[in-house]
Amino acid sequence: MIEKKLLIDLCVEKTKNRVNEIQVAIDAANDAIVNDTKSSMGDKYETSREMAQQELSRLQNQLNQANKDLDILLNLPEGKNKLVGMGSLVMTDQFNYLVATSIGPMKIENEILMVVSRLSPIGEVLFGKEVDDEIHFNGKRFKIKAIK
């Protein structure tokens, strides 16, 4: 049986790694902009600088989202819920889910489960349900066996 705290800790670790990787890419993009400024002139300079700025903007958006995801994970309620909500570990007869932020599949204790956002299609279907409720998703029917 999957331990909820361990799963959340693994999600936090994975998200912190993602934040660090994005920050390294941002630093590299900033360095490229500075170095390009020193070595280029004219239209070529403007084009490469604009492309670097766009890349930097894209990376900054990713960093902002990763930090939001980290904040969500660090503030998940720890207690057991009667209804599926944020931080719920939902065990069904088909799949297991953690309702938190969109991370996707995670392998823990030789089991694979999905870490999903509350706003994802499956997150919306699960939210507010209770043990023994049946859910219909993507043409499949499954039953909630437990909520942790």
Protein backbone atom coordinates (compact mmCIF):
# COMPACT_ATOMS: atom_id res chain seq x y z
CA MET A 1 0.00 0.00 0.00
CA ILE A 2 1.33 3.41 -0.98
CA GLU A 3 2.23 5.82 1.81
CA LYS A 4 0.81 9.27 1.06
CA LYS A 5 3.55 11.26 2.84
CA LEU A 6 6.30 9.41 0.95
CA LEU A 7 4.54 10.07 -2.35
CA ILE A 8 4.17 13.79 -1.60
CA ASP A 9 7.84 13.98 -0.56
CA LEU A 10 8.86 12.39 -3.88
CA CYS A 11 6.67 14.87 -5.77
CA VAL A 12 8.28 17.77 -3.87
CA GLU A 13 11.76 16.43 -4.67
CA LYS A 14 10.91 16.00 -8.37
CA THR A 15 9.47 19.53 -8.54
CA LYS A 16 12.47 21.06 -6.74
CA ASN A 17 14.73 19.34 -9.29
CA ARG A 18 12.62 20.81 -12.08
CA VAL A 19 12.94 24.31 -10.52
CA ASN A 20 16.73 23.90 -10.33
CA GLU A 21 16.99 22.68 -13.94
CA ILE A 22 14.95 25.61 -15.20
CA GLN A 23 17.05 28.06 -13.16
CA VAL A 24 20.24 26.64 -14.73
CA ALA A 25 18.70 27.11 -18.19
CA ILE A 26 17.71 30.70 -17.31
CA ASP A 27 21.26 31.45 -16.16
CA ALA A 28 22.64 30.01 -19.42
CA ALA A 29 20.17 32.06 -21.48
CA ASN A 30 21.15 35.23 -19.61
CA ASP A 31 24.83 34.49 -20.23
CA ALA A 32 24.11 33.96 -23.93
CA ILE A 33 22.35 37.32 -24.14
CA VAL A 34 25.25 39.11 -22.45
CA ASN A 35 27.89 37.38 -24.59
CA ASP A 36 25.91 37.95 -27.78
CA THR A 37 25.66 41.65 -26.94
CA LYS A 38 29.44 41.86 -26.81
CA SER A 39 30.09 40.06 -30.10
CA SER A 40 27.28 41.05 -32.49
CA MET A 41 26.07 44.11 -34.32
CA GLY A 42 23.31 45.00 -36.75
CA ASP A 43 20.25 42.99 -37.82
CA LYS A 44 21.78 39.64 -36.93
CA TYR A 45 22.35 40.93 -33.39
CA GLU A 46 18.73 42.11 -33.07
CA THR A 47 17.34 38.79 -34.35
CA SER A 48 19.48 36.62 -32.09
CA ARG A 49 18.82 38.87 -29.11
CA GLU A 50 15.05 38.69 -29.71
CA MET A 51 15.19 34.89 -29.96
CA ALA A 52 17.17 34.73 -26.72
CA GLN A 53 14.65 37.04 -25.03
CA GLN A 54 11.78 34.80 -26.16
CA GLU A 55 13.57 31.73 -24.80
CA LEU A 56 14.22 33.54 -21.53
CA SER A 57 10.54 34.52 -21.29
CA ARG A 58 9.46 30.92 -21.95
CA LEU A 59 11.83 29.64 -19.27
CA GLN A 60 10.62 32.27 -16.80
CA ASN A 61 7.02 31.14 -17.36
CA GLN A 62 8.08 27.53 -16.73
CA LEU A 63 9.89 28.59 -13.55
CA ASN A 64 6.83 30.47 -12.32
CA GLN A 65 4.63 27.40 -12.92
CA ALA A 66 7.13 25.06 -11.25
CA ASN A 67 7.25 27.35 -8.20
CA LYS A 68 3.43 27.41 -8.06
CA ASP A 69 3.41 23.59 -8.26
CA LEU A 70 5.98 23.42 -5.45
CA ASP A 71 3.88 25.75 -3.30
CA ILE A 72 0.80 23.57 -3.87
CA LEU A 73 2.73 20.42 -2.90
CA LEU A 74 4.22 22.00 0.23
CA ASN A 75 0.77 23.13 1.40
CA LEU A 76 -1.28 19.98 0.78
CA PRO A 77 -3.47 18.98 3.71
CA GLU A 78 -1.99 15.98 5.53
CA GLY A 79 -5.12 14.49 7.04
CA LYS A 80 -7.44 11.84 5.64
CA ASN A 81 -10.52 13.16 3.87
CA LYS A 82 -13.97 11.68 3.55
CA LEU A 83 -14.35 13.33 0.13
CA VAL A 84 -11.74 13.60 -2.61
CA GLY A 85 -10.02 16.98 -2.36
CA MET A 86 -6.60 18.55 -2.70
CA GLY A 87 -3.99 16.17 -1.36
CA SER A 88 -6.24 13.12 -1.51
CA LEU A 89 -4.68 9.79 -2.42
CA VAL A 90 -7.51 8.06 -4.27
CA MET A 91 -7.43 4.28 -4.68
CA THR A 92 -9.78 2.87 -7.31
CA ASP A 93 -10.30 -0.61 -8.69
CA GLN A 94 -8.44 0.49 -11.86
CA PHE A 95 -5.89 3.21 -11.06
CA ASN A 96 -4.58 5.22 -8.11
CA TYR A 97 -4.35 9.02 -8.08
CA LEU A 98 -2.92 11.81 -5.97
CA VAL A 99 -4.88 15.03 -6.47
CA ALA A 100 -2.26 17.78 -6.26
CA THR A 101 -0.57 19.22 -9.35
CA SER A 102 0.08 17.83 -12.81
CA ILE A 103 3.18 15.67 -12.52
CA GLY A 104 1.93 12.58 -14.31
CA PRO A 105 2.84 8.97 -13.58
CA MET A 106 5.06 8.19 -10.59
CA LYS A 107 6.41 4.80 -9.58
CA ILE A 108 6.46 4.14 -5.85
CA GLU A 109 6.78 0.83 -4.02
CA ASN A 110 6.50 -1.02 -7.37
CA GLU A 111 3.17 0.65 -8.10
CA ILE A 112 2.48 3.31 -10.68
CA LEU A 113 0.01 6.03 -9.87
CA MET A 114 -0.97 9.31 -11.45
CA VAL A 115 -0.31 12.66 -9.80
CA VAL A 116 -2.99 14.92 -11.27
CA SER A 117 -4.14 18.48 -10.95
CA ARG A 118 -7.51 19.26 -9.44
CA LEU A 119 -8.24 21.06 -12.73
CA SER A 120 -7.30 18.14 -15.00
CA PRO A 121 -10.18 16.19 -16.58
CA ILE A 122 -9.72 13.24 -14.19
CA GLY A 123 -9.17 15.61 -11.25
CA GLU A 124 -12.50 17.27 -11.94
CA VAL A 125 -14.25 13.89 -12.15
CA LEU A 126 -12.71 12.68 -8.87
CA PHE A 127 -13.12 15.90 -6.87
CA GLY A 128 -15.87 15.71 -4.24
CA LYS A 129 -16.45 11.97 -4.64
CA GLU A 130 -16.39 9.51 -1.75
CA VAL A 131 -15.58 5.85 -1.13
CA ASP A 132 -17.82 3.46 -3.12
CA ASP A 133 -18.75 6.15 -5.68
CA GLU A 134 -18.53 5.02 -9.29
CA ILE A 135 -16.77 7.26 -11.77
CA HIS A 136 -16.98 7.33 -15.56
CA PHE A 137 -13.92 8.61 -17.39
CA ASN A 138 -12.75 8.11 -20.99
CA GLY A 139 -15.37 5.45 -21.58
CA LYS A 140 -14.30 3.47 -18.52
CA ARG A 141 -16.13 2.92 -15.28
CA PHE A 142 -14.33 2.47 -11.99
CA LYS A 143 -15.08 2.54 -8.30
CA ILE A 144 -13.35 4.44 -5.50
CA LYS A 145 -12.07 1.90 -2.96
CA ALA A 146 -10.29 4.23 -0.52
CA ILE A 147 -9.36 7.87 0.07
CA LYS A 148 -6.30 8.74 2.13
